[in-house]
Amino acid sequence: MKKLFLPLFLFGLLLNACKKDDSNTKPSENPMSKILEDKTWTLASSTNGPFELGHIFSTITKGKITQLGCQMPEPGIYTVSLWDVNTKKLLAQKAVEQTTANKLTLAGLTEIIIEKDVKYAVSVNSTINGVTKPYNYAENSSATVFPFTVGSVIFQSTVYNSSKVPVFPETFKSKRLFGYPEFTFIAD
């Protein structure tokens, strides 16, 4: 029995030493999902278009974006884009396959470094293979909606552009959030 105890004891020590320390792991944030859970927003959809729809955001801390996604009324493969607002440069773009209506779908991407207080835009195009699809929107009856903060993310304004292909979306004054493009942000 003593011969069995020592190897099991050493194995237990080794196993415990190999465990990853997750105590310093930062939680991931999906800010659009948090908004959709908030009962002060009225959710609806529309069929007009074609549009590039989304919002401008900044963050209160440096971090990274690891996923892009969307939640559209119909299943399909939607193009979700991440833009630098100052340069209008495309930073990342993913074809996101949403298999269920109105179900958030996220797709992984190579990490994009996000700088504190820099403005970015995330958008989704409402056209699939030349066919305009419906899009969702959320409306808040508050007199002043923008800017507002969800976790580490500051929503600055709504953006859109009339286009059948992904293009940089321009700022649009509205109390609505259009298209429900989503991203996963992890603060440093």
N, C-alpha and C. Protein backbone atom coordinates (compact mmCIF):
# COMPACT_ATOMS: atom_id res chain seq x y z
N MET A 1 0.81 -1.19 0.00
CA MET A 1 0.00 0.00 0.00
C MET A 1 0.86 1.26 0.00
N LYS A 2 2.00 1.22 0.76
CA LYS A 2 2.88 2.37 0.82
C LYS A 2 3.48 2.68 -0.56
N LYS A 3 3.76 1.62 -1.34
CA LYS A 3 4.32 1.82 -2.68
C LYS A 3 3.32 2.53 -3.59
N LEU A 4 2.06 2.32 -3.41
CA LEU A 4 1.02 2.95 -4.22
C LEU A 4 0.76 4.39 -3.78
N PHE A 5 0.89 4.66 -2.50
CA PHE A 5 0.60 5.98 -1.96
C PHE A 5 1.55 7.05 -2.53
N LEU A 6 2.83 6.80 -2.52
CA LEU A 6 3.81 7.78 -2.97
C LEU A 6 3.60 8.18 -4.43
N PRO A 7 3.42 7.24 -5.38
CA PRO A 7 3.18 7.65 -6.77
C PRO A 7 1.87 8.44 -6.92
N LEU A 8 0.81 8.06 -6.21
CA LEU A 8 -0.45 8.80 -6.29
C LEU A 8 -0.30 10.20 -5.71
N PHE A 9 0.44 10.32 -4.61
CA PHE A 9 0.68 11.62 -4.00
C PHE A 9 1.45 12.54 -4.97
N LEU A 10 2.49 12.01 -5.57
CA LEU A 10 3.29 12.79 -6.52
C LEU A 10 2.47 13.17 -7.76
N PHE A 11 1.64 12.25 -8.23
CA PHE A 11 0.77 12.54 -9.38
C PHE A 11 -0.20 13.67 -9.04
N GLY A 12 -0.76 13.65 -7.84
CA GLY A 12 -1.67 14.70 -7.40
C GLY A 12 -0.98 16.05 -7.34
N LEU A 13 0.24 16.10 -6.83
CA LEU A 13 1.02 17.35 -6.79
C LEU A 13 1.29 17.86 -8.20
N LEU A 14 1.68 16.97 -9.08
CA LEU A 14 1.96 17.35 -10.46
C LEU A 14 0.71 17.87 -11.15
N LEU A 15 -0.40 17.20 -10.96
CA LEU A 15 -1.67 17.61 -11.57
C LEU A 15 -2.08 18.99 -11.06
N ASN A 16 -1.93 19.23 -9.79
CA ASN A 16 -2.29 20.52 -9.20
C ASN A 16 -1.37 21.62 -9.72
N ALA A 17 -0.09 21.32 -9.89
CA ALA A 17 0.86 22.32 -10.39
C ALA A 17 0.59 22.69 -11.83
N CYS A 18 0.00 21.79 -12.60
CA CYS A 18 -0.26 22.04 -14.02
C CYS A 18 -1.55 22.81 -14.27
N LYS A 19 -2.36 23.00 -13.24
CA LYS A 19 -3.61 23.74 -13.43
C LYS A 19 -3.31 25.18 -13.79
N LYS A 20 -4.05 25.68 -14.74
CA LYS A 20 -3.88 27.07 -15.17
C LYS A 20 -4.49 27.99 -14.13
N ASP A 21 -3.82 29.06 -13.81
CA ASP A 21 -4.34 30.05 -12.87
C ASP A 21 -5.24 31.01 -13.63
N ASP A 22 -6.56 30.86 -13.46
CA ASP A 22 -7.53 31.71 -14.15
C ASP A 22 -7.98 32.89 -13.31
N SER A 23 -7.36 33.11 -12.15
CA SER A 23 -7.82 34.17 -11.26
C SER A 23 -7.59 35.56 -11.86
N ASN A 24 -6.66 35.70 -12.81
CA ASN A 24 -6.39 37.00 -13.42
C ASN A 24 -7.04 37.15 -14.80
N THR A 25 -7.83 36.18 -15.22
CA THR A 25 -8.48 36.24 -16.52
C THR A 25 -9.59 37.28 -16.49
N LYS A 26 -9.57 38.20 -17.43
CA LYS A 26 -10.60 39.24 -17.51
C LYS A 26 -11.84 38.66 -18.19
N PRO A 27 -13.01 39.08 -17.73
CA PRO A 27 -14.23 38.58 -18.37
C PRO A 27 -14.44 39.21 -19.74
N SER A 28 -15.07 38.45 -20.62
CA SER A 28 -15.40 39.00 -21.94
C SER A 28 -16.71 39.75 -21.83
N GLU A 29 -16.86 40.77 -22.68
CA GLU A 29 -18.06 41.61 -22.68
C GLU A 29 -18.70 41.57 -24.07
N ASN A 30 -20.01 41.42 -24.09
CA ASN A 30 -20.82 41.52 -25.31
C ASN A 30 -21.84 42.62 -25.06
N PRO A 31 -21.47 43.87 -25.35
CA PRO A 31 -22.31 45.02 -24.95
C PRO A 31 -23.69 45.07 -25.60
N MET A 32 -23.81 44.70 -26.88
CA MET A 32 -25.13 44.75 -27.52
C MET A 32 -26.08 43.76 -26.84
N SER A 33 -25.57 42.60 -26.47
CA SER A 33 -26.40 41.61 -25.78
C SER A 33 -26.93 42.17 -24.47
N LYS A 34 -26.10 42.92 -23.74
CA LYS A 34 -26.54 43.55 -22.49
C LYS A 34 -27.67 44.54 -22.76
N ILE A 35 -27.57 45.31 -23.83
CA ILE A 35 -28.61 46.28 -24.17
C ILE A 35 -29.92 45.55 -24.47
N LEU A 36 -29.85 44.46 -25.21
CA LEU A 36 -31.05 43.73 -25.58
C LEU A 36 -31.74 43.10 -24.37
N GLU A 37 -31.00 42.90 -23.28
CA GLU A 37 -31.59 42.40 -22.04
C GLU A 37 -32.23 43.52 -21.21
N ASP A 38 -31.86 44.77 -21.51
CA ASP A 38 -32.33 45.93 -20.77
C ASP A 38 -33.76 46.28 -21.20
N LYS A 39 -34.69 46.26 -20.28
CA LYS A 39 -36.11 46.47 -20.59
C LYS A 39 -36.47 47.91 -20.93
N THR A 40 -35.52 48.86 -20.84
CA THR A 40 -35.82 50.24 -21.23
C THR A 40 -35.74 50.43 -22.74
N TRP A 41 -35.27 49.41 -23.45
CA TRP A 41 -35.19 49.46 -24.91
C TRP A 41 -36.36 48.67 -25.50
N THR A 42 -37.02 49.25 -26.51
CA THR A 42 -38.08 48.58 -27.25
C THR A 42 -37.48 47.95 -28.49
N LEU A 43 -37.72 46.67 -28.70
CA LEU A 43 -37.11 45.94 -29.81
C LEU A 43 -38.11 45.77 -30.95
N ALA A 44 -37.65 45.96 -32.18
CA ALA A 44 -38.50 45.83 -33.36
C ALA A 44 -37.65 45.45 -34.56
N SER A 45 -38.29 45.32 -35.73
CA SER A 45 -37.54 45.05 -36.96
C SER A 45 -38.16 45.82 -38.11
N SER A 46 -37.41 45.94 -39.20
CA SER A 46 -37.84 46.68 -40.38
C SER A 46 -37.40 45.92 -41.62
N THR A 47 -38.08 46.16 -42.74
CA THR A 47 -37.74 45.47 -43.98
C THR A 47 -37.15 46.38 -45.04
N ASN A 48 -37.08 47.70 -44.78
CA ASN A 48 -36.52 48.57 -45.83
C ASN A 48 -35.00 48.45 -45.85
N GLY A 49 -34.39 48.93 -46.88
CA GLY A 49 -32.94 48.81 -47.01
C GLY A 49 -32.57 48.85 -48.47
N PRO A 50 -31.41 48.50 -48.86
CA PRO A 50 -30.32 47.82 -48.17
C PRO A 50 -29.49 48.81 -47.36
N PHE A 51 -28.96 48.33 -46.23
CA PHE A 51 -28.20 49.21 -45.34
C PHE A 51 -26.96 48.53 -44.77
N GLU A 52 -25.98 49.36 -44.46
CA GLU A 52 -24.87 49.02 -43.58
C GLU A 52 -25.25 49.68 -42.26
N LEU A 53 -25.47 48.89 -41.21
CA LEU A 53 -26.06 49.38 -39.96
C LEU A 53 -25.16 49.08 -38.77
N GLY A 54 -25.10 50.02 -37.83
CA GLY A 54 -24.32 49.75 -36.63
C GLY A 54 -24.22 50.93 -35.71
N HIS A 55 -23.10 51.00 -34.99
CA HIS A 55 -22.89 52.07 -34.04
C HIS A 55 -21.40 52.36 -33.85
N ILE A 56 -21.14 53.58 -33.39
CA ILE A 56 -19.79 54.01 -33.03
C ILE A 56 -19.63 53.77 -31.54
N PHE A 57 -18.46 53.27 -31.16
CA PHE A 57 -18.18 53.05 -29.75
C PHE A 57 -16.73 53.38 -29.43
N SER A 58 -16.46 53.56 -28.17
CA SER A 58 -15.10 53.67 -27.65
C SER A 58 -15.09 52.84 -26.36
N THR A 59 -13.92 52.71 -25.76
CA THR A 59 -13.83 51.93 -24.53
C THR A 59 -13.15 52.76 -23.44
N ILE A 60 -13.43 52.42 -22.20
CA ILE A 60 -12.84 53.16 -21.08
C ILE A 60 -11.48 52.60 -20.69
N THR A 61 -11.06 51.53 -21.35
CA THR A 61 -9.77 50.92 -21.09
C THR A 61 -9.27 50.25 -22.38
N LYS A 62 -7.97 50.05 -22.45
CA LYS A 62 -7.41 49.32 -23.58
C LYS A 62 -7.84 47.86 -23.48
N GLY A 63 -7.93 47.19 -24.61
CA GLY A 63 -8.31 45.78 -24.61
C GLY A 63 -8.20 45.19 -26.00
N LYS A 64 -9.01 44.16 -26.24
CA LYS A 64 -8.99 43.51 -27.55
C LYS A 64 -10.38 43.00 -27.90
N ILE A 65 -10.64 42.95 -29.20
CA ILE A 65 -11.86 42.35 -29.72
C ILE A 65 -11.47 41.00 -30.29
N THR A 66 -12.20 39.96 -29.86
CA THR A 66 -11.87 38.59 -30.27
C THR A 66 -12.94 37.94 -31.13
N GLN A 67 -14.13 38.57 -31.22
CA GLN A 67 -15.21 38.02 -32.03
C GLN A 67 -16.06 39.16 -32.61
N LEU A 68 -16.65 38.89 -33.77
CA LEU A 68 -17.66 39.77 -34.35
C LEU A 68 -18.90 38.92 -34.58
N GLY A 69 -20.06 39.56 -34.53
CA GLY A 69 -21.29 38.81 -34.73
C GLY A 69 -22.47 39.70 -35.00
N CYS A 70 -23.65 39.08 -35.09
CA CYS A 70 -24.88 39.83 -35.33
C CYS A 70 -26.07 39.03 -34.87
N GLN A 71 -27.20 39.73 -34.81
CA GLN A 71 -28.48 39.10 -34.50
C GLN A 71 -29.51 39.72 -35.45
N MET A 72 -29.79 39.02 -36.54
CA MET A 72 -30.70 39.51 -37.56
C MET A 72 -32.01 38.70 -37.53
N PRO A 73 -33.10 39.27 -38.08
CA PRO A 73 -34.40 38.59 -38.04
C PRO A 73 -34.47 37.29 -38.85
N GLU A 74 -33.63 37.15 -39.86
CA GLU A 74 -33.66 35.94 -40.70
C GLU A 74 -32.30 35.26 -40.69
N PRO A 75 -32.29 33.92 -40.80
CA PRO A 75 -31.01 33.21 -40.92
C PRO A 75 -30.30 33.63 -42.21
N GLY A 76 -29.00 33.47 -42.23
CA GLY A 76 -28.22 33.77 -43.42
C GLY A 76 -26.78 34.06 -43.05
N ILE A 77 -25.98 34.36 -44.06
CA ILE A 77 -24.57 34.71 -43.85
C ILE A 77 -24.45 36.22 -44.04
N TYR A 78 -24.19 36.91 -42.93
CA TYR A 78 -24.11 38.37 -42.92
C TYR A 78 -22.66 38.82 -42.76
N THR A 79 -22.33 39.95 -43.37
CA THR A 79 -20.99 40.50 -43.25
C THR A 79 -20.98 41.53 -42.13
N VAL A 80 -20.13 41.28 -41.12
CA VAL A 80 -19.98 42.18 -39.99
C VAL A 80 -18.59 42.80 -40.08
N SER A 81 -18.52 44.13 -39.91
CA SER A 81 -17.26 44.85 -40.11
C SER A 81 -16.90 45.69 -38.89
N LEU A 82 -15.60 45.83 -38.64
CA LEU A 82 -15.07 46.70 -37.60
C LEU A 82 -14.22 47.76 -38.27
N TRP A 83 -14.48 49.03 -37.95
CA TRP A 83 -13.84 50.16 -38.61
C TRP A 83 -13.16 51.09 -37.62
N ASP A 84 -12.08 51.73 -38.05
CA ASP A 84 -11.49 52.86 -37.32
C ASP A 84 -12.23 54.10 -37.81
N VAL A 85 -12.89 54.82 -36.92
CA VAL A 85 -13.73 55.95 -37.33
C VAL A 85 -12.89 57.11 -37.87
N ASN A 86 -11.75 57.40 -37.27
CA ASN A 86 -10.94 58.54 -37.72
C ASN A 86 -10.39 58.37 -39.13
N THR A 87 -9.93 57.16 -39.44
CA THR A 87 -9.34 56.91 -40.76
C THR A 87 -10.33 56.27 -41.74
N LYS A 88 -11.47 55.80 -41.23
CA LYS A 88 -12.47 55.06 -42.01
C LYS A 88 -11.87 53.77 -42.58
N LYS A 89 -10.83 53.27 -41.93
CA LYS A 89 -10.14 52.06 -42.36
C LYS A 89 -10.85 50.83 -41.80
N LEU A 90 -11.00 49.82 -42.63
CA LEU A 90 -11.55 48.54 -42.21
C LEU A 90 -10.49 47.79 -41.40
N LEU A 91 -10.82 47.43 -40.16
CA LEU A 91 -9.88 46.73 -39.29
C LEU A 91 -10.09 45.22 -39.31
N ALA A 92 -11.34 44.81 -39.45
CA ALA A 92 -11.67 43.38 -39.48
C ALA A 92 -13.03 43.21 -40.12
N GLN A 93 -13.22 42.04 -40.72
CA GLN A 93 -14.51 41.74 -41.35
C GLN A 93 -14.71 40.22 -41.29
N LYS A 94 -15.93 39.81 -40.92
CA LYS A 94 -16.24 38.39 -40.82
C LYS A 94 -17.56 38.11 -41.51
N ALA A 95 -17.62 36.98 -42.19
CA ALA A 95 -18.87 36.44 -42.68
C ALA A 95 -19.44 35.60 -41.54
N VAL A 96 -20.56 36.04 -41.00
CA VAL A 96 -21.15 35.40 -39.83
C VAL A 96 -22.38 34.61 -40.28
N GLU A 97 -22.33 33.30 -40.09
CA GLU A 97 -23.45 32.46 -40.48
C GLU A 97 -24.42 32.31 -39.31
N GLN A 98 -25.55 32.98 -39.44
CA GLN A 98 -26.60 32.90 -38.43
C GLN A 98 -27.61 31.85 -38.89
N THR A 99 -27.71 30.74 -38.17
CA THR A 99 -28.55 29.62 -38.61
C THR A 99 -29.98 29.69 -38.06
N THR A 100 -30.20 30.52 -37.06
CA THR A 100 -31.52 30.65 -36.43
C THR A 100 -31.93 32.11 -36.42
N ALA A 101 -33.19 32.37 -36.72
CA ALA A 101 -33.71 33.75 -36.72
C ALA A 101 -33.55 34.37 -35.34
N ASN A 102 -33.12 35.63 -35.32
CA ASN A 102 -32.99 36.42 -34.09
C ASN A 102 -32.15 35.78 -33.01
N LYS A 103 -31.15 35.00 -33.41
CA LYS A 103 -30.24 34.40 -32.44
C LYS A 103 -28.85 34.97 -32.65
N LEU A 104 -28.30 35.55 -31.58
CA LEU A 104 -26.95 36.10 -31.68
C LEU A 104 -25.98 35.02 -32.09
N THR A 105 -25.18 35.32 -33.12
CA THR A 105 -24.15 34.41 -33.59
C THR A 105 -22.84 35.18 -33.63
N LEU A 106 -21.80 34.60 -33.04
CA LEU A 106 -20.47 35.22 -33.00
C LEU A 106 -19.48 34.35 -33.77
N ALA A 107 -18.52 35.00 -34.42
CA ALA A 107 -17.46 34.30 -35.14
C ALA A 107 -16.12 34.83 -34.64
N GLY A 108 -15.20 33.93 -34.35
CA GLY A 108 -13.89 34.31 -33.85
C GLY A 108 -13.05 34.98 -34.92
N LEU A 109 -12.12 35.82 -34.48
CA LEU A 109 -11.18 36.45 -35.40
C LEU A 109 -9.86 36.67 -34.70
N THR A 110 -8.83 36.96 -35.47
CA THR A 110 -7.54 37.31 -34.89
C THR A 110 -7.75 38.56 -34.05
N GLU A 111 -7.21 38.55 -32.83
CA GLU A 111 -7.43 39.66 -31.90
C GLU A 111 -7.11 41.01 -32.52
N ILE A 112 -8.01 41.96 -32.30
CA ILE A 112 -7.82 43.34 -32.73
C ILE A 112 -7.61 44.17 -31.47
N ILE A 113 -6.48 44.85 -31.37
CA ILE A 113 -6.18 45.69 -30.22
C ILE A 113 -7.06 46.94 -30.28
N ILE A 114 -7.71 47.24 -29.17
CA ILE A 114 -8.58 48.40 -29.06
C ILE A 114 -7.96 49.37 -28.06
N GLU A 115 -7.76 50.60 -28.49
CA GLU A 115 -7.16 51.63 -27.64
C GLU A 115 -8.24 52.39 -26.88
N LYS A 116 -7.94 52.77 -25.67
CA LYS A 116 -8.85 53.55 -24.84
C LYS A 116 -9.18 54.88 -25.52
N ASP A 117 -10.44 55.28 -25.48
CA ASP A 117 -10.94 56.57 -25.97
C ASP A 117 -10.85 56.77 -27.49
N VAL A 118 -10.46 55.76 -28.26
CA VAL A 118 -10.45 55.84 -29.72
C VAL A 118 -11.81 55.39 -30.22
N LYS A 119 -12.35 56.06 -31.23
CA LYS A 119 -13.67 55.71 -31.75
C LYS A 119 -13.56 54.66 -32.86
N TYR A 120 -14.40 53.62 -32.70
CA TYR A 120 -14.51 52.54 -33.66
C TYR A 120 -15.98 52.41 -34.07
N ALA A 121 -16.23 51.80 -35.20
CA ALA A 121 -17.60 51.49 -35.62
C ALA A 121 -17.67 50.00 -35.88
N VAL A 122 -18.79 49.41 -35.50
CA VAL A 122 -19.09 48.02 -35.82
C VAL A 122 -20.41 48.04 -36.59
N SER A 123 -20.46 47.30 -37.71
CA SER A 123 -21.65 47.35 -38.56
C SER A 123 -21.91 46.00 -39.20
N VAL A 124 -23.17 45.84 -39.63
CA VAL A 124 -23.59 44.64 -40.33
C VAL A 124 -24.32 45.09 -41.59
N ASN A 125 -24.10 44.38 -42.70
CA ASN A 125 -24.80 44.70 -43.93
C ASN A 125 -26.05 43.83 -44.03
N SER A 126 -27.16 44.47 -44.43
CA SER A 126 -28.46 43.76 -44.45
C SER A 126 -28.75 43.07 -45.78
N THR A 127 -27.73 42.90 -46.62
CA THR A 127 -27.92 42.27 -47.92
C THR A 127 -27.17 40.94 -47.98
N ILE A 128 -27.85 39.92 -48.50
CA ILE A 128 -27.22 38.61 -48.72
C ILE A 128 -27.43 38.24 -50.18
N ASN A 129 -26.33 38.04 -50.91
CA ASN A 129 -26.38 37.67 -52.33
C ASN A 129 -27.29 38.61 -53.13
N GLY A 130 -27.18 39.90 -52.87
CA GLY A 130 -27.95 40.90 -53.60
C GLY A 130 -29.39 41.07 -53.14
N VAL A 131 -29.84 40.29 -52.15
CA VAL A 131 -31.21 40.38 -51.65
C VAL A 131 -31.21 41.10 -50.31
N THR A 132 -32.00 42.17 -50.21
CA THR A 132 -32.11 42.91 -48.96
C THR A 132 -32.92 42.12 -47.94
N LYS A 133 -32.37 41.98 -46.75
CA LYS A 133 -33.02 41.25 -45.66
C LYS A 133 -33.50 42.24 -44.60
N PRO A 134 -34.49 41.84 -43.80
CA PRO A 134 -34.92 42.70 -42.69
C PRO A 134 -33.80 42.86 -41.67
N TYR A 135 -33.90 43.88 -40.85
CA TYR A 135 -32.93 44.12 -39.79
C TYR A 135 -33.67 44.48 -38.52
N ASN A 136 -33.01 44.28 -37.40
CA ASN A 136 -33.56 44.64 -36.10
C ASN A 136 -33.15 46.04 -35.71
N TYR A 137 -33.94 46.64 -34.82
CA TYR A 137 -33.52 47.88 -34.20
C TYR A 137 -34.08 47.95 -32.78
N ALA A 138 -33.39 48.69 -31.95
CA ALA A 138 -33.81 48.91 -30.56
C ALA A 138 -33.96 50.41 -30.38
N GLU A 139 -35.04 50.80 -29.71
CA GLU A 139 -35.32 52.23 -29.51
C GLU A 139 -35.49 52.50 -28.03
N ASN A 140 -34.96 53.64 -27.61
CA ASN A 140 -35.06 54.05 -26.22
C ASN A 140 -35.81 55.38 -26.19
N SER A 141 -36.80 55.50 -25.32
CA SER A 141 -37.62 56.72 -25.26
C SER A 141 -36.96 57.85 -24.50
N SER A 142 -35.78 57.63 -23.96
CA SER A 142 -35.06 58.67 -23.22
C SER A 142 -34.79 59.87 -24.11
N ALA A 143 -34.88 61.06 -23.54
CA ALA A 143 -34.64 62.28 -24.31
C ALA A 143 -33.21 62.33 -24.84
N THR A 144 -32.25 61.87 -24.05
CA THR A 144 -30.86 61.83 -24.47
C THR A 144 -30.36 60.41 -24.34
N VAL A 145 -30.08 59.78 -25.46
CA VAL A 145 -29.63 58.39 -25.43
C VAL A 145 -28.11 58.31 -25.49
N PHE A 146 -27.50 58.97 -26.45
CA PHE A 146 -26.06 58.87 -26.65
C PHE A 146 -25.34 60.04 -26.01
N PRO A 147 -24.15 59.85 -25.51
CA PRO A 147 -23.46 58.57 -25.30
C PRO A 147 -23.98 57.88 -24.05
N PHE A 148 -23.81 56.56 -24.00
CA PHE A 148 -24.13 55.79 -22.81
C PHE A 148 -23.13 54.64 -22.69
N THR A 149 -22.96 54.16 -21.48
CA THR A 149 -21.93 53.15 -21.20
C THR A 149 -22.56 51.82 -20.81
N VAL A 150 -21.99 50.75 -21.36
CA VAL A 150 -22.36 49.38 -21.00
C VAL A 150 -21.05 48.67 -20.68
N GLY A 151 -20.81 48.40 -19.42
CA GLY A 151 -19.55 47.78 -19.01
C GLY A 151 -18.39 48.70 -19.34
N SER A 152 -17.44 48.22 -20.13
CA SER A 152 -16.26 49.01 -20.52
C SER A 152 -16.46 49.75 -21.84
N VAL A 153 -17.65 49.63 -22.45
CA VAL A 153 -17.90 50.16 -23.79
C VAL A 153 -18.82 51.38 -23.72
N ILE A 154 -18.43 52.44 -24.41
CA ILE A 154 -19.25 53.65 -24.51
C ILE A 154 -19.85 53.70 -25.91
N PHE A 155 -21.17 53.63 -26.00
CA PHE A 155 -21.87 53.77 -27.27
C PHE A 155 -21.96 55.26 -27.58
N GLN A 156 -21.38 55.68 -28.72
CA GLN A 156 -21.29 57.10 -29.07
C GLN A 156 -22.45 57.58 -29.93
N SER A 157 -22.81 56.80 -30.95
CA SER A 157 -23.89 57.18 -31.86
C SER A 157 -24.25 56.01 -32.78
N THR A 158 -25.34 56.19 -33.48
CA THR A 158 -25.77 55.23 -34.49
C THR A 158 -25.08 55.57 -35.81
N VAL A 159 -24.82 54.55 -36.62
CA VAL A 159 -24.27 54.78 -37.96
C VAL A 159 -25.04 53.94 -38.98
N TYR A 160 -25.07 54.43 -40.21
CA TYR A 160 -25.67 53.66 -41.30
C TYR A 160 -25.21 54.23 -42.62
N ASN A 161 -25.38 53.45 -43.66
CA ASN A 161 -25.12 53.88 -45.02
C ASN A 161 -26.02 53.02 -45.92
N SER A 162 -26.58 53.61 -46.94
CA SER A 162 -27.42 52.86 -47.87
C SER A 162 -26.50 52.16 -48.87
N SER A 163 -26.39 50.81 -48.75
CA SER A 163 -25.48 50.08 -49.60
C SER A 163 -25.79 48.58 -49.57
N LYS A 164 -25.62 47.93 -50.72
CA LYS A 164 -25.78 46.48 -50.80
C LYS A 164 -24.49 45.74 -50.45
N VAL A 165 -23.39 46.46 -50.31
CA VAL A 165 -22.11 45.86 -49.95
C VAL A 165 -21.55 46.61 -48.74
N PRO A 166 -20.68 45.96 -47.96
CA PRO A 166 -20.12 46.64 -46.80
C PRO A 166 -19.33 47.90 -47.19
N VAL A 167 -19.70 49.01 -46.58
CA VAL A 167 -19.01 50.29 -46.75
C VAL A 167 -18.96 50.96 -45.39
N PHE A 168 -18.06 51.93 -45.25
CA PHE A 168 -17.98 52.65 -43.98
C PHE A 168 -19.32 53.35 -43.71
N PRO A 169 -19.93 53.10 -42.55
CA PRO A 169 -21.21 53.72 -42.24
C PRO A 169 -21.02 55.11 -41.63
N GLU A 170 -21.84 56.05 -42.03
CA GLU A 170 -21.74 57.42 -41.54
C GLU A 170 -22.60 57.61 -40.30
N THR A 171 -22.25 58.62 -39.48
CA THR A 171 -23.00 58.93 -38.27
C THR A 171 -24.42 59.35 -38.62
N PHE A 172 -25.35 58.88 -37.81
CA PHE A 172 -26.76 59.15 -38.03
C PHE A 172 -27.37 59.52 -36.68
N LYS A 173 -28.04 60.64 -36.60
CA LYS A 173 -28.65 61.08 -35.34
C LYS A 173 -29.96 60.32 -35.14
N SER A 174 -29.99 59.48 -34.12
CA SER A 174 -31.16 58.68 -33.85
C SER A 174 -31.10 58.19 -32.41
N LYS A 175 -32.24 57.85 -31.85
CA LYS A 175 -32.31 57.21 -30.53
C LYS A 175 -32.31 55.70 -30.69
N ARG A 176 -32.15 55.23 -31.89
CA ARG A 176 -32.20 53.79 -32.17
C ARG A 176 -30.81 53.20 -32.35
N LEU A 177 -30.72 51.91 -32.07
CA LEU A 177 -29.55 51.11 -32.41
C LEU A 177 -30.01 50.15 -33.51
N PHE A 178 -29.32 50.18 -34.63
CA PHE A 178 -29.75 49.41 -35.81
C PHE A 178 -28.86 48.19 -36.05
N GLY A 179 -29.48 47.09 -36.46
CA GLY A 179 -28.76 45.93 -36.97
C GLY A 179 -28.22 44.96 -35.95
N TYR A 180 -28.05 45.37 -34.72
CA TYR A 180 -27.51 44.53 -33.65
C TYR A 180 -26.18 43.88 -33.98
N PRO A 181 -25.23 44.61 -34.60
CA PRO A 181 -23.90 44.02 -34.72
C PRO A 181 -23.29 43.90 -33.33
N GLU A 182 -22.57 42.84 -33.10
CA GLU A 182 -22.03 42.56 -31.76
C GLU A 182 -20.54 42.28 -31.87
N PHE A 183 -19.84 42.44 -30.78
CA PHE A 183 -18.42 42.08 -30.68
C PHE A 183 -18.15 41.61 -29.27
N THR A 184 -17.07 40.87 -29.13
CA THR A 184 -16.61 40.44 -27.81
C THR A 184 -15.38 41.26 -27.47
N PHE A 185 -15.47 42.01 -26.37
CA PHE A 185 -14.38 42.86 -25.90
C PHE A 185 -13.83 42.29 -24.60
N ILE A 186 -12.50 42.22 -24.52
CA ILE A 186 -11.83 41.78 -23.31
C ILE A 186 -10.87 42.89 -22.89
N ALA A 187 -11.13 43.50 -21.74
CA ALA A 187 -10.29 44.59 -21.24
C ALA A 187 -8.94 44.04 -20.79
N ASP A 188 -7.90 44.86 -20.95
CA ASP A 188 -6.56 44.46 -20.46
C ASP A 188 -6.51 44.56 -18.95
